[in-house]
Amino acid sequence: MKKIYFIKIVCIASLFFQYSFAQTNLFVDYASNYSSWTNGSNLGTGFSNWDLWTQNTDATHFAGHFLGNSSAQGFGDINSSGSSFSMYANPTGVFVQANAQRFLSNTGSPSVGGRQYLLPGQSFKIDLAIAYRNGYKGIDLMDQNFGLLFNFNVGSDLYSTSTNSDLGWVYNQNSIFQLQVNQVDVTSYEVIISRDTDIYYSGIRTGQFSGFKLYVGNTDSNNDLNNLHFNNLQVQKCAMTTTWDGVSWDKGEPNSNKNVVFTGNYNSTSNLSACSIQVANNAIVVINSNHNLTVENGIEVSSGSDLVFENNASLLQNNPTATNLGNITYKRNATPMIQYQYTYWGSPVLGQKLNLFSPLTSTARFYSFNANPTVNNWVTENPNSAMIPAKGYAIMAPQNYNSTAAIFNGVFKGVPNNGNYSYNVFEKTVSNYNLLSNPYPSAINVQTLIANTTLKTLYYWTHNTAISANVFSSNDYAVRTSLAGTAANSGGVIPTKYMAAGQGFFASVGLFLISFAFSFKAL
């Protein structure tokens, strides 16, 4: 490669890039939190105080609340550390009943009397253990104005809901039910009740879930199996999924509370957020230029499907430990260049081979830079080798380019990079720079990077000037510090505080480590 002059400014350091899932608990409450369960108590998070009461009780008719042990009393095991919330009411004939009522209080929705409702994509879950065949036991789901939305009831051998008087499920003393409410959008919800392989689905219903009332009544006396046990109250995000079939979403618009599945082709019209992304059924999903896809957790792209990011689109993943499966296509356009000119690149995906990224570049014109002060020079790269995350590469224009400037349309194909990456760099001792790159399929904030690492000054190659006498001009380097950017002396744009995906750059390195999302760490 012809020599490139630049302003050169050892102890070795490592460069760590970190760009910050599965169901996530927002609020929980368990019976094991309590030593006694009484009216007004509250040891959970995000819920109102317990409202506990009985009705039609007297000296011979009893109802009440206690902390029990579901398995010890012959029910299915829904205990946490040996405890479950428990209620009783007997005998029959006078509608003796025990009740336990509670509302959500911290979901972020508008509030009525301190009562809030699930936001779109949030879910509520509760475990129920119901055993014996007499009396009635169940749960009412309510909106924030105490309006009844839905009911699940067990009486005799019948399991019934607001939409089905008999689910047809076979009685089982050890039954454990999980009731889940998903808020599909602002004004609609769904209920899913599961018991082993039995599953009931309510369909989409109108309303905003805010709270519940559990009740038990009219049971026979002197039998613990008449009691009602419940436990494991949870408000979650990422517990429901909305699917795009090529025409519409089945469970409302995506947001950061929902998992998203694409089974049909899709083109973004704005930014998109999701808990996780799955692309299946040979669907082609396109995130258009300048749109962001923000994902809390992982991405899975099935064989035959594709997730395509057009130039200047970004994939943002908030969980650095999330695992990605399957390849995406990430497109980046270089500024126009002519024959013999170079662009500094880095790969936002794993496994991208140099010669497949730029197949018409001469096989001898792929370079990296060895900043070891004993070398401090360009190194020829094997064109069949895969690009290493955070490593920078200088790649010459395709051989069919001429003196007319043309845009190189770079296409990366592979599993999107996510998490922490390390790459050896050398501190400034003999005017040596390190050729690095942004390893993520998104822009990164340069000010944050510099402020929290030992990187000092970044240099972007602009290839504004044609090669002369086998030498490139050092005037073609634009400079970015934490405070500001400076255009290259030869002209061009001023670097902003954001570095694009796929961008390679030279950097000077200081002496001290400050740990952060992007960090240097002394070896």
Protein backbone atom coordinates (compact mmCIF):
# COMPACT_ATOMS: atom_id res chain seq x y z
CA MET A 1 0.00 0.00 0.00
CA LYS A 2 1.23 3.51 -0.75
CA LYS A 3 2.32 5.37 2.35
CA ILE A 4 -0.34 7.40 4.13
CA TYR A 5 0.93 10.40 6.06
CA PHE A 6 -0.94 11.56 9.12
CA ILE A 7 -0.26 13.49 12.31
CA LYS A 8 1.32 10.85 14.54
CA ILE A 9 1.16 11.76 17.94
CA VAL A 10 4.40 1.49 25.21
CA CYS A 11 2.43 0.20 27.40
CA ILE A 12 -0.32 -1.97 25.87
CA ALA A 13 -3.99 -1.50 26.71
CA SER A 14 -7.17 -3.28 25.69
CA LEU A 15 -10.13 -1.56 24.11
CA PHE A 16 -13.51 -2.66 25.46
CA PHE A 17 -16.65 -1.69 23.62
CA GLN A 18 -19.91 -2.30 25.45
CA TYR A 19 -23.21 -1.27 24.08
CA SER A 20 -25.86 -1.34 26.47
CA PHE A 21 -33.99 -10.25 27.25
CA ALA A 22 -37.01 -12.67 28.07
CA GLN A 23 -39.56 -11.60 30.57
CA THR A 24 -38.63 -8.86 33.02
CA ASN A 25 -40.30 -8.34 36.37
CA LEU A 26 -41.35 -4.74 36.93
CA PHE A 27 -43.22 -5.31 40.21
CA VAL A 28 -43.64 -8.43 42.34
CA ASP A 29 -45.15 -9.64 45.59
CA TYR A 30 -44.85 -13.05 47.21
CA ALA A 31 -46.43 -14.53 50.32
CA SER A 32 -42.94 -15.22 51.62
CA ASN A 33 -42.49 -11.45 51.99
CA TYR A 34 -44.96 -11.48 54.90
CA SER A 35 -44.82 -12.73 58.46
CA SER A 36 -48.52 -11.84 58.78
CA TRP A 37 -51.03 -10.92 56.09
CA THR A 38 -53.52 -8.33 57.28
CA ASN A 39 -55.73 -5.62 55.85
CA GLY A 40 -53.62 -2.65 54.70
CA SER A 41 -50.38 -4.60 54.53
CA ASN A 42 -48.11 -4.19 51.52
CA LEU A 43 -44.65 -5.67 51.16
CA GLY A 44 -44.60 -5.90 47.38
CA THR A 45 -43.69 -3.23 44.86
CA GLY A 46 -45.97 -1.44 42.45
CA PHE A 47 -49.23 -2.55 44.11
CA SER A 48 -51.73 -0.80 46.36
CA ASN A 49 -52.21 -1.96 49.96
CA TRP A 50 -54.16 -5.16 50.43
CA ASP A 51 -57.87 -4.64 50.98
CA LEU A 52 -59.06 -7.69 52.93
CA TRP A 53 -62.61 -8.22 54.17
CA THR A 54 -65.26 -10.85 54.91
CA GLN A 55 -69.00 -10.81 54.57
CA ASN A 56 -71.96 -12.60 56.21
CA THR A 57 -69.88 -13.91 59.08
CA ASP A 58 -71.11 -14.44 62.63
CA ALA A 59 -70.47 -16.74 65.56
CA THR A 60 -71.20 -19.86 63.50
CA HIS A 61 -70.23 -18.72 60.01
CA PHE A 62 -66.55 -18.09 59.44
CA ALA A 63 -64.29 -16.57 56.80
CA GLY A 64 -60.80 -15.21 56.92
CA HIS A 65 -57.30 -14.73 55.57
CA PHE A 66 -54.02 -16.35 56.55
CA LEU A 67 -50.58 -17.32 55.32
CA GLY A 68 -50.74 -20.97 54.44
CA ASN A 69 -48.79 -23.68 52.69
CA SER A 70 -50.60 -24.95 49.60
CA SER A 71 -48.78 -28.24 49.26
CA ALA A 72 -49.01 -29.02 52.98
CA GLN A 73 -52.80 -28.66 52.73
CA GLY A 74 -53.00 -31.03 49.74
CA PHE A 75 -53.03 -28.49 46.90
CA GLY A 76 -50.57 -28.01 44.09
CA ASP A 77 -47.40 -26.28 45.17
CA ILE A 78 -47.45 -22.52 44.54
CA ASN A 79 -45.45 -21.65 47.66
CA SER A 80 -42.56 -19.25 47.91
CA SER A 81 -40.29 -20.29 50.76
CA GLY A 82 -43.13 -22.43 52.13
CA SER A 83 -45.85 -19.76 52.06
CA SER A 84 -48.86 -18.81 49.98
CA PHE A 85 -51.67 -16.33 50.44
CA SER A 86 -54.74 -18.26 51.66
CA MET A 87 -58.45 -17.66 52.34
CA TYR A 88 -61.36 -19.69 53.72
CA ALA A 89 -65.15 -19.24 54.10
CA ASN A 90 -67.72 -21.75 55.48
CA PRO A 91 -70.29 -23.14 55.96
CA THR A 92 -72.65 -22.99 53.00
CA GLY A 93 -76.10 -21.45 52.84
CA VAL A 94 -75.60 -17.78 53.76
CA PHE A 95 -73.04 -16.61 51.20
CA VAL A 96 -70.20 -16.41 53.66
CA GLN A 97 -67.27 -15.01 51.74
CA ALA A 98 -63.63 -13.90 52.14
CA ASN A 99 -62.22 -11.30 49.74
CA ALA A 100 -58.78 -9.90 48.87
CA GLN A 101 -58.54 -6.89 46.58
CA ARG A 102 -55.61 -5.01 45.15
CA PHE A 103 -54.71 -2.59 42.34
CA LEU A 104 -51.65 -1.58 40.40
CA SER A 105 -50.06 1.63 41.59
CA ASN A 106 -46.82 2.29 39.70
CA THR A 107 -47.09 1.35 36.01
CA GLY A 108 -46.77 4.92 34.77
CA SER A 109 -50.37 5.21 33.54
CA PRO A 110 -52.78 8.00 34.53
CA SER A 111 -54.08 7.42 38.04
CA VAL A 112 -57.54 7.38 39.61
CA GLY A 113 -57.41 7.37 43.40
CA GLY A 114 -53.89 5.93 43.22
CA ARG A 115 -55.09 3.10 40.97
CA GLN A 116 -53.20 2.70 37.69
CA TYR A 117 -53.55 0.28 34.78
CA LEU A 118 -51.24 -1.82 32.65
CA LEU A 119 -49.51 0.03 29.85
CA PRO A 120 -49.57 -1.53 26.37
CA GLY A 121 -47.35 -4.59 26.34
CA GLN A 122 -47.23 -4.99 30.11
CA SER A 123 -48.56 -8.19 31.69
CA PHE A 124 -49.95 -9.23 35.05
CA LYS A 125 -49.57 -12.81 36.34
CA ILE A 126 -50.84 -14.67 39.39
CA ASP A 127 -50.72 -18.33 40.42
CA LEU A 128 -53.86 -19.99 41.84
CA ALA A 129 -54.29 -23.34 43.61
CA ILE A 130 -57.91 -24.53 43.76
CA ALA A 131 -58.72 -28.01 44.99
CA TYR A 132 -62.11 -29.01 46.39
CA ARG A 133 -65.48 -29.42 44.71
CA ASN A 134 -67.92 -27.38 46.78
CA GLY A 135 -68.62 -23.69 47.19
CA TYR A 136 -67.04 -21.24 44.78
CA LYS A 137 -63.61 -19.72 44.38
CA GLY A 138 -62.30 -17.32 41.79
CA ILE A 139 -60.93 -14.00 40.68
CA ASP A 140 -62.53 -10.84 39.27
CA LEU A 141 -60.41 -8.61 37.04
CA MET A 142 -61.25 -4.90 37.26
CA ASP A 143 -60.50 -1.55 35.67
CA GLN A 144 -59.35 1.39 37.77
CA ASN A 145 -62.95 2.46 38.46
CA PHE A 146 -63.78 -0.96 39.99
CA GLY A 147 -65.61 -2.00 36.82
CA LEU A 148 -65.67 -5.77 36.24
CA LEU A 149 -63.67 -6.75 33.16
CA PHE A 150 -63.44 -10.53 33.47
CA ASN A 151 -64.08 -13.44 35.82
CA PHE A 152 -62.53 -16.85 36.33
CA ASN A 153 -64.54 -19.07 38.70
CA VAL A 154 -64.38 -22.64 40.00
CA GLY A 155 -67.58 -24.09 41.45
CA SER A 156 -68.18 -27.82 41.95
CA ASP A 157 -66.45 -29.48 38.98
CA LEU A 158 -66.86 -26.54 36.61
CA TYR A 159 -64.09 -24.21 35.53
CA SER A 160 -65.78 -21.18 33.95
CA THR A 161 -64.95 -17.70 32.65
CA SER A 162 -66.82 -14.64 31.48
CA THR A 163 -66.79 -16.03 27.95
CA ASN A 164 -67.20 -19.74 28.62
CA SER A 165 -69.50 -21.33 31.24
CA ASP A 166 -67.60 -24.62 31.11
CA LEU A 167 -64.01 -24.92 29.96
CA GLY A 168 -64.40 -28.70 29.89
CA TRP A 169 -61.30 -29.25 31.96
CA VAL A 170 -61.14 -32.43 34.04
CA TYR A 171 -61.16 -31.85 37.79
CA ASN A 172 -57.77 -32.25 39.47
CA GLN A 173 -57.18 -31.63 43.15
CA ASN A 174 -53.57 -30.63 42.46
CA SER A 175 -54.50 -28.06 39.82
CA ILE A 176 -52.21 -25.05 39.57
CA PHE A 177 -53.51 -22.26 37.37
CA GLN A 178 -51.53 -19.34 36.06
CA LEU A 179 -53.69 -16.41 35.02
CA GLN A 180 -52.01 -13.85 32.77
CA VAL A 181 -53.45 -10.52 31.61
CA ASN A 182 -51.77 -8.84 28.62
CA GLN A 183 -52.58 -5.22 27.88
CA VAL A 184 -52.59 -5.32 24.08
CA ASP A 185 -52.99 -1.58 23.54
CA VAL A 186 -54.39 1.36 25.46
CA THR A 187 -57.98 0.13 25.33
CA SER A 188 -57.78 -3.64 24.89
CA TYR A 189 -56.48 -6.62 26.83
CA GLU A 190 -56.46 -10.43 26.73
CA VAL A 191 -56.54 -13.13 29.40
CA ILE A 192 -54.68 -16.43 29.21
CA ILE A 193 -55.28 -19.16 31.81
CA SER A 194 -53.08 -22.23 31.77
CA ARG A 195 -53.11 -25.48 33.74
CA ASP A 196 -50.52 -27.98 32.60
CA THR A 197 -51.45 -28.62 28.95
CA ASP A 198 -54.88 -26.94 29.28
CA ILE A 199 -54.89 -23.39 27.93
CA TYR A 200 -57.75 -20.91 27.76
CA TYR A 201 -57.53 -17.73 25.71
CA SER A 202 -60.13 -14.98 26.07
CA GLY A 203 -59.49 -13.23 22.79
CA ILE A 204 -59.01 -9.46 22.58
CA ARG A 205 -61.38 -7.64 24.94
CA THR A 206 -62.05 -3.97 25.56
CA GLY A 207 -60.73 -2.45 28.75
CA GLN A 208 -57.72 -1.45 30.83
CA PHE A 209 -56.68 -3.93 33.52
CA SER A 210 -56.00 -2.25 36.84
CA GLY A 211 -56.70 -4.68 39.69
CA PHE A 212 -58.30 -7.87 40.95
CA LYS A 213 -60.50 -9.31 43.67
CA LEU A 214 -59.99 -12.88 44.84
CA TYR A 215 -62.86 -14.54 46.64
CA VAL A 216 -63.90 -17.83 48.27
CA GLY A 217 -67.32 -18.65 49.71
CA ASN A 218 -70.04 -21.14 50.68
CA THR A 219 -67.67 -24.04 51.19
CA ASP A 220 -68.17 -26.99 53.51
CA SER A 221 -66.56 -26.72 56.91
CA ASN A 222 -63.67 -28.60 58.49
CA ASN A 223 -61.76 -29.37 55.30
CA ASP A 224 -58.60 -27.48 54.36
CA LEU A 225 -59.12 -28.44 50.71
CA ASN A 226 -61.96 -25.90 50.57
CA ASN A 227 -59.46 -23.07 50.93
CA LEU A 228 -58.15 -20.88 48.12
CA HIS A 229 -54.40 -20.39 47.75
CA PHE A 230 -52.64 -17.90 45.48
CA ASN A 231 -49.16 -16.44 45.14
CA ASN A 232 -46.48 -15.04 42.85
CA LEU A 233 -47.99 -11.71 41.83
CA GLN A 234 -45.97 -10.21 39.00
CA VAL A 235 -46.20 -7.28 36.63
CA GLN A 236 -43.86 -7.86 33.71
CA LYS A 237 -42.74 -6.56 30.39
CA CYS A 238 -41.59 -8.79 27.54
CA ALA A 239 -44.19 -11.43 28.51
CA MET A 240 -46.41 -10.97 25.43
CA THR A 241 -45.80 -11.12 21.69
CA THR A 242 -47.22 -9.25 18.75
CA THR A 243 -46.85 -10.73 15.27
CA TRP A 244 -46.72 -9.01 11.88
CA ASP A 245 -48.16 -11.24 9.14
CA GLY A 246 -47.35 -8.90 6.26
CA VAL A 247 -50.58 -6.91 6.69
CA SER A 248 -51.21 -6.13 10.36
CA TRP A 249 -50.15 -6.69 13.97
CA ASP A 250 -52.21 -9.31 15.83
CA LYS A 251 -51.55 -7.88 19.34
CA GLY A 252 -51.19 -4.18 18.69
CA GLU A 253 -48.30 -1.99 17.64
CA PRO A 254 -44.83 -2.98 18.85
CA ASN A 255 -43.19 -1.23 21.77
CA SER A 256 -40.39 -1.88 24.23
CA ASN A 257 -42.73 -4.01 26.40
CA LYS A 258 -43.53 -6.56 23.66
CA ASN A 259 -41.69 -9.32 21.86
CA VAL A 260 -42.05 -8.91 18.11
CA VAL A 261 -42.31 -11.65 15.49
CA PHE A 262 -42.31 -11.03 11.74
CA THR A 263 -43.83 -13.76 9.58
CA GLY A 264 -44.44 -11.46 6.60
CA ASN A 265 -42.52 -8.76 4.77
CA TYR A 266 -42.20 -5.41 6.50
CA ASN A 267 -40.82 -1.94 5.69
CA SER A 268 -40.29 0.50 8.55
CA THR A 269 -42.00 3.88 8.40
CA SER A 270 -40.49 5.21 11.64
CA ASN A 271 -38.41 4.07 14.60
CA LEU A 272 -39.36 0.70 16.06
CA SER A 273 -38.91 -0.72 19.58
CA ALA A 274 -39.27 -4.28 20.90
CA CYS A 275 -38.25 -6.58 23.73
CA SER A 276 -36.94 -9.12 21.25
CA ILE A 277 -37.12 -9.67 17.50
CA GLN A 278 -37.75 -12.85 15.55
CA VAL A 279 -37.89 -12.91 11.75
CA ALA A 280 -39.31 -16.16 10.35
CA ASN A 281 -41.27 -17.71 7.49
CA ASN A 282 -38.92 -16.28 4.81
CA ALA A 283 -39.97 -12.75 5.75
CA ILE A 284 -37.85 -9.79 4.63
CA VAL A 285 -37.87 -7.00 7.22
CA VAL A 286 -36.35 -3.69 6.14
CA ILE A 287 -35.35 -0.95 8.58
CA ASN A 288 -35.11 2.06 6.34
CA SER A 289 -32.49 4.80 6.33
CA ASN A 290 -32.33 6.97 9.47
CA HIS A 291 -34.70 4.67 11.37
CA ASN A 292 -33.69 2.98 14.63
CA LEU A 293 -34.65 -0.53 15.70
CA THR A 294 -34.25 -0.59 19.50
CA VAL A 295 -34.32 -4.06 21.07
CA GLU A 296 -34.12 -4.81 24.77
CA ASN A 297 -32.84 -8.34 24.25
CA GLY A 298 -31.88 -10.68 21.43
CA ILE A 299 -32.56 -11.02 17.72
CA GLU A 300 -33.23 -14.25 15.84
CA VAL A 301 -33.34 -14.39 12.05
CA SER A 302 -34.38 -17.77 10.67
CA SER A 303 -32.79 -19.29 7.60
CA GLY A 304 -34.43 -17.91 4.45
CA SER A 305 -35.49 -14.72 6.23
CA ASP A 306 -33.60 -11.45 6.43
CA LEU A 307 -33.42 -8.37 8.61
CA VAL A 308 -32.06 -5.54 6.46
CA PHE A 309 -30.71 -2.22 7.68
CA GLU A 310 -30.44 0.42 5.00
CA ASN A 311 -27.68 3.04 5.03
CA ASN A 312 -27.67 5.09 8.27
CA ALA A 313 -30.25 2.86 9.97
CA SER A 314 -29.30 1.61 13.43
CA LEU A 315 -29.80 -1.49 15.53
CA LEU A 316 -29.67 -0.60 19.23
CA GLN A 317 -29.55 -3.41 21.81
CA ASN A 318 -29.89 -2.46 25.47
CA ASN A 319 -28.83 -5.77 26.98
CA PRO A 320 -25.11 -6.41 26.38
CA THR A 321 -25.51 -10.10 27.30
CA ALA A 322 -28.35 -10.74 24.84
CA THR A 323 -27.63 -13.47 22.29
CA ASN A 324 -28.26 -12.95 18.59
CA LEU A 325 -28.94 -15.84 16.20
CA GLY A 326 -28.96 -15.72 12.42
CA ASN A 327 -27.63 -13.18 9.95
CA ILE A 328 -28.70 -9.64 9.30
CA THR A 329 -27.84 -7.50 6.27
CA TYR A 330 -26.33 -4.15 7.14
CA LYS A 331 -25.72 -1.56 4.39
CA ARG A 332 -23.27 1.34 4.58
CA ASN A 333 -22.44 3.76 1.78
CA ALA A 334 -18.95 5.23 1.61
CA THR A 335 -18.44 8.80 0.48
CA PRO A 336 -17.71 8.87 -3.28
CA MET A 337 -14.21 7.81 -4.21
CA ILE A 338 -12.08 7.18 -7.28
CA GLN A 339 -9.66 4.41 -8.20
CA TYR A 340 -6.79 3.74 -5.77
CA GLN A 341 -8.50 5.55 -2.90
CA TYR A 342 -9.14 3.91 0.45
CA THR A 343 -11.91 3.90 3.04
CA TYR A 344 -11.43 2.91 6.68
CA TRP A 345 -13.97 0.27 7.69
CA GLY A 346 -14.99 -1.89 10.64
CA SER A 347 -17.57 -4.67 10.69
CA PRO A 348 -20.83 -4.39 12.67
CA VAL A 349 -21.42 -8.14 12.27
CA LEU A 350 -19.53 -11.31 13.09
CA GLY A 351 -17.77 -13.34 10.45
CA GLN A 352 -17.75 -10.78 7.61
CA LYS A 353 -14.94 -11.73 5.22
CA LEU A 354 -12.98 -8.90 3.65
CA ASN A 355 -13.18 -10.16 0.07
CA LEU A 356 -16.92 -10.76 0.30
CA PHE A 357 -17.45 -7.24 1.59
CA SER A 358 -15.52 -5.71 -1.31
CA PRO A 359 -15.11 -8.51 -3.89
CA LEU A 360 -13.73 -6.24 -6.65
CA THR A 361 -10.92 -4.82 -4.52
CA SER A 362 -7.49 -6.19 -5.41
CA THR A 363 -6.64 -9.08 -3.10
CA ALA A 364 -3.44 -7.25 -2.10
CA ARG A 365 -5.25 -4.08 -1.05
CA PHE A 366 -6.76 -4.95 2.30
CA TYR A 367 -4.79 -3.49 5.23
CA SER A 368 -4.76 -3.07 8.98
CA PHE A 369 -2.29 -1.04 11.03
CA ASN A 370 0.17 -2.36 13.61
CA ALA A 371 0.70 0.42 16.16
CA ASN A 372 3.38 -1.47 18.08
CA PRO A 373 6.22 1.06 18.23
CA THR A 374 8.61 -1.60 16.94
CA VAL A 375 6.47 -1.88 13.79
CA ASN A 376 4.27 1.21 13.48
CA ASN A 377 3.23 0.41 9.93
CA TRP A 378 0.58 -1.00 7.63
CA VAL A 379 0.04 -4.76 7.52
CA THR A 380 -1.43 -6.61 4.55
CA GLU A 381 -4.54 -8.62 5.49
CA ASN A 382 -5.54 -11.98 4.03
CA PRO A 383 -8.62 -11.14 1.93
CA ASN A 384 -10.24 -14.42 3.01
CA SER A 385 -10.04 -13.52 6.69
CA ALA A 386 -13.03 -12.40 8.75
CA MET A 387 -13.10 -8.85 10.06
CA ILE A 388 -12.50 -8.64 13.81
CA PRO A 389 -14.88 -6.51 15.91
CA ALA A 390 -13.36 -3.14 16.93
CA LYS A 391 -10.45 -3.57 14.51
CA GLY A 392 -10.08 -1.04 11.72
CA TYR A 393 -9.28 -1.88 8.09
CA ALA A 394 -8.20 0.20 5.11
CA ILE A 395 -9.84 -1.14 1.94
CA MET A 396 -9.08 0.16 -1.56
CA ALA A 397 -11.83 1.04 -3.99
CA PRO A 398 -12.91 -1.72 -6.43
CA GLN A 399 -10.58 -2.21 -9.37
CA ASN A 400 -13.26 -1.18 -11.87
CA TYR A 401 -13.43 2.34 -10.39
CA ASN A 402 -11.94 5.14 -12.48
CA SER A 403 -11.35 8.90 -12.20
CA THR A 404 -15.08 9.55 -11.81
CA ALA A 405 -16.03 9.45 -8.14
CA ALA A 406 -18.56 6.74 -7.27
CA ILE A 407 -20.30 5.67 -4.07
CA PHE A 408 -19.24 2.29 -2.72
CA ASN A 409 -22.30 0.45 -1.41
CA GLY A 410 -20.93 -1.71 1.35
CA VAL A 411 -23.01 -4.70 2.48
CA PHE A 412 -22.22 -6.58 5.68
CA LYS A 413 -23.79 -10.00 6.24
CA GLY A 414 -23.59 -11.82 9.55
CA VAL A 415 -24.76 -12.06 13.16
CA PRO A 416 -25.04 -8.52 14.57
CA ASN A 417 -22.38 -7.62 17.11
CA ASN A 418 -23.54 -7.06 20.67
CA GLY A 419 -21.87 -6.97 24.05
CA ASN A 420 -18.28 -6.32 25.07
CA TYR A 421 -15.37 -6.49 22.65
CA SER A 422 -11.66 -6.14 23.40
CA TYR A 423 -8.85 -5.23 21.06
CA ASN A 424 -5.18 -4.54 21.89
CA VAL A 425 -4.05 -0.97 21.44
CA PHE A 426 -0.77 0.86 22.15
CA GLU A 427 -0.31 3.99 24.18
CA LYS A 428 1.18 7.09 22.67
CA THR A 429 4.95 6.89 23.01
CA VAL A 430 6.45 7.22 19.52
CA SER A 431 3.79 9.08 17.55
CA ASN A 432 1.87 5.89 16.94
CA TYR A 433 -1.85 5.66 16.31
CA ASN A 434 -4.26 2.71 16.53
CA LEU A 435 -6.60 1.84 13.69
CA LEU A 436 -9.91 0.94 15.36
CA SER A 437 -13.58 0.86 14.40
CA ASN A 438 -17.10 1.11 15.72
CA PRO A 439 -18.03 -2.57 16.18
CA TYR A 440 -21.81 -2.08 16.43
CA PRO A 441 -24.62 -1.86 13.85
CA SER A 442 -25.48 1.60 15.16
CA ALA A 443 -23.94 5.00 15.67
CA ILE A 444 -22.03 5.55 18.91
CA ASN A 445 -21.52 8.75 20.89
CA VAL A 446 -17.92 9.90 20.51
CA GLN A 447 -18.10 12.31 23.43
CA THR A 448 -19.16 9.49 25.74
CA LEU A 449 -16.45 7.26 24.34
CA ILE A 450 -13.67 9.79 24.83
CA ALA A 451 -14.92 11.01 28.22
CA ASN A 452 -14.84 7.54 29.70
CA THR A 453 -11.74 6.01 28.14
CA THR A 454 -8.11 6.91 27.46
CA LEU A 455 -8.88 7.74 23.85
CA LYS A 456 -7.84 11.32 23.20
CA THR A 457 -8.26 12.34 19.58
CA LEU A 458 -9.91 10.53 16.67
CA TYR A 459 -8.94 10.88 13.02
CA TYR A 460 -11.26 10.10 10.12
CA TRP A 461 -9.83 9.51 6.66
CA THR A 462 -11.78 11.46 4.03
CA HIS A 463 -9.95 10.51 0.79
CA ASN A 464 -10.67 13.99 -0.56
CA THR A 465 -7.42 14.19 -2.48
CA ALA A 466 -6.26 11.90 -5.28
CA ILE A 467 -3.00 10.05 -4.70
CA SER A 468 0.08 11.91 -6.00
CA ALA A 469 3.52 10.38 -6.45
CA ASN A 470 2.27 7.30 -4.63
CA VAL A 471 1.51 9.34 -1.51
CA PHE A 472 -1.80 10.37 0.04
CA SER A 473 -2.21 13.79 1.62
CA SER A 474 -2.30 14.18 5.40
CA ASN A 475 -4.67 17.08 4.77
CA ASP A 476 -7.39 14.49 4.25
CA TYR A 477 -7.80 13.70 7.96
CA ALA A 478 -10.80 15.17 9.76
CA VAL A 479 -10.34 15.39 13.52
CA ARG A 480 -12.71 14.80 16.39
CA THR A 481 -12.04 15.54 20.05
CA SER A 482 -14.45 15.40 22.95
CA LEU A 483 -15.22 19.08 22.52
CA ALA A 484 -15.57 19.52 18.78
CA GLY A 485 -14.89 18.27 15.30
CA THR A 486 -12.65 19.84 12.70
CA ALA A 487 -13.04 19.29 8.98
CA ALA A 488 -10.07 18.03 7.01
CA ASN A 489 -7.79 20.75 5.64
CA SER A 490 -8.79 19.52 2.19
CA GLY A 491 -12.45 20.16 2.96
CA GLY A 492 -15.49 18.03 3.65
CA VAL A 493 -17.86 17.75 6.58
CA ILE A 494 -17.11 18.44 10.23
CA PRO A 495 -17.27 15.24 12.32
CA THR A 496 -20.22 15.26 14.73
CA LYS A 497 -20.38 13.63 18.14
CA TYR A 498 -21.81 10.49 16.54
CA MET A 499 -19.70 7.89 14.77
CA ALA A 500 -21.53 5.84 12.15
CA ALA A 501 -21.70 2.07 12.07
CA GLY A 502 -18.90 0.53 10.01
CA GLN A 503 -16.64 3.54 10.60
CA GLY A 504 -12.92 2.94 10.94
CA PHE A 505 -10.71 5.58 12.57
CA PHE A 506 -7.24 6.26 13.90
CA ALA A 507 -6.96 7.18 17.58
CA SER A 508 -4.32 8.39 19.97
CA VAL A 509 -4.33 6.69 23.35
CA GLY A 510 -3.59 8.22 26.77
CA LEU A 511 -2.17 6.68 29.93
CA PHE A 512 -4.97 6.08 32.37
CA LEU A 513 -7.99 3.80 32.52
CA ILE A 514 -11.49 5.06 33.29
CA SER A 515 -13.97 2.19 33.21
CA PHE A 516 -17.17 2.71 31.24
CA ALA A 517 -19.35 1.19 28.55
CA PHE A 518 -16.54 1.79 26.12
CA SER A 519 -13.31 1.44 28.06
CA PHE A 520 -9.58 0.94 27.98
CA LYS A 521 -8.10 -1.45 30.46
CA ALA A 522 -4.35 -1.76 31.11
CA LEU A 523 -2.99 -5.24 30.59
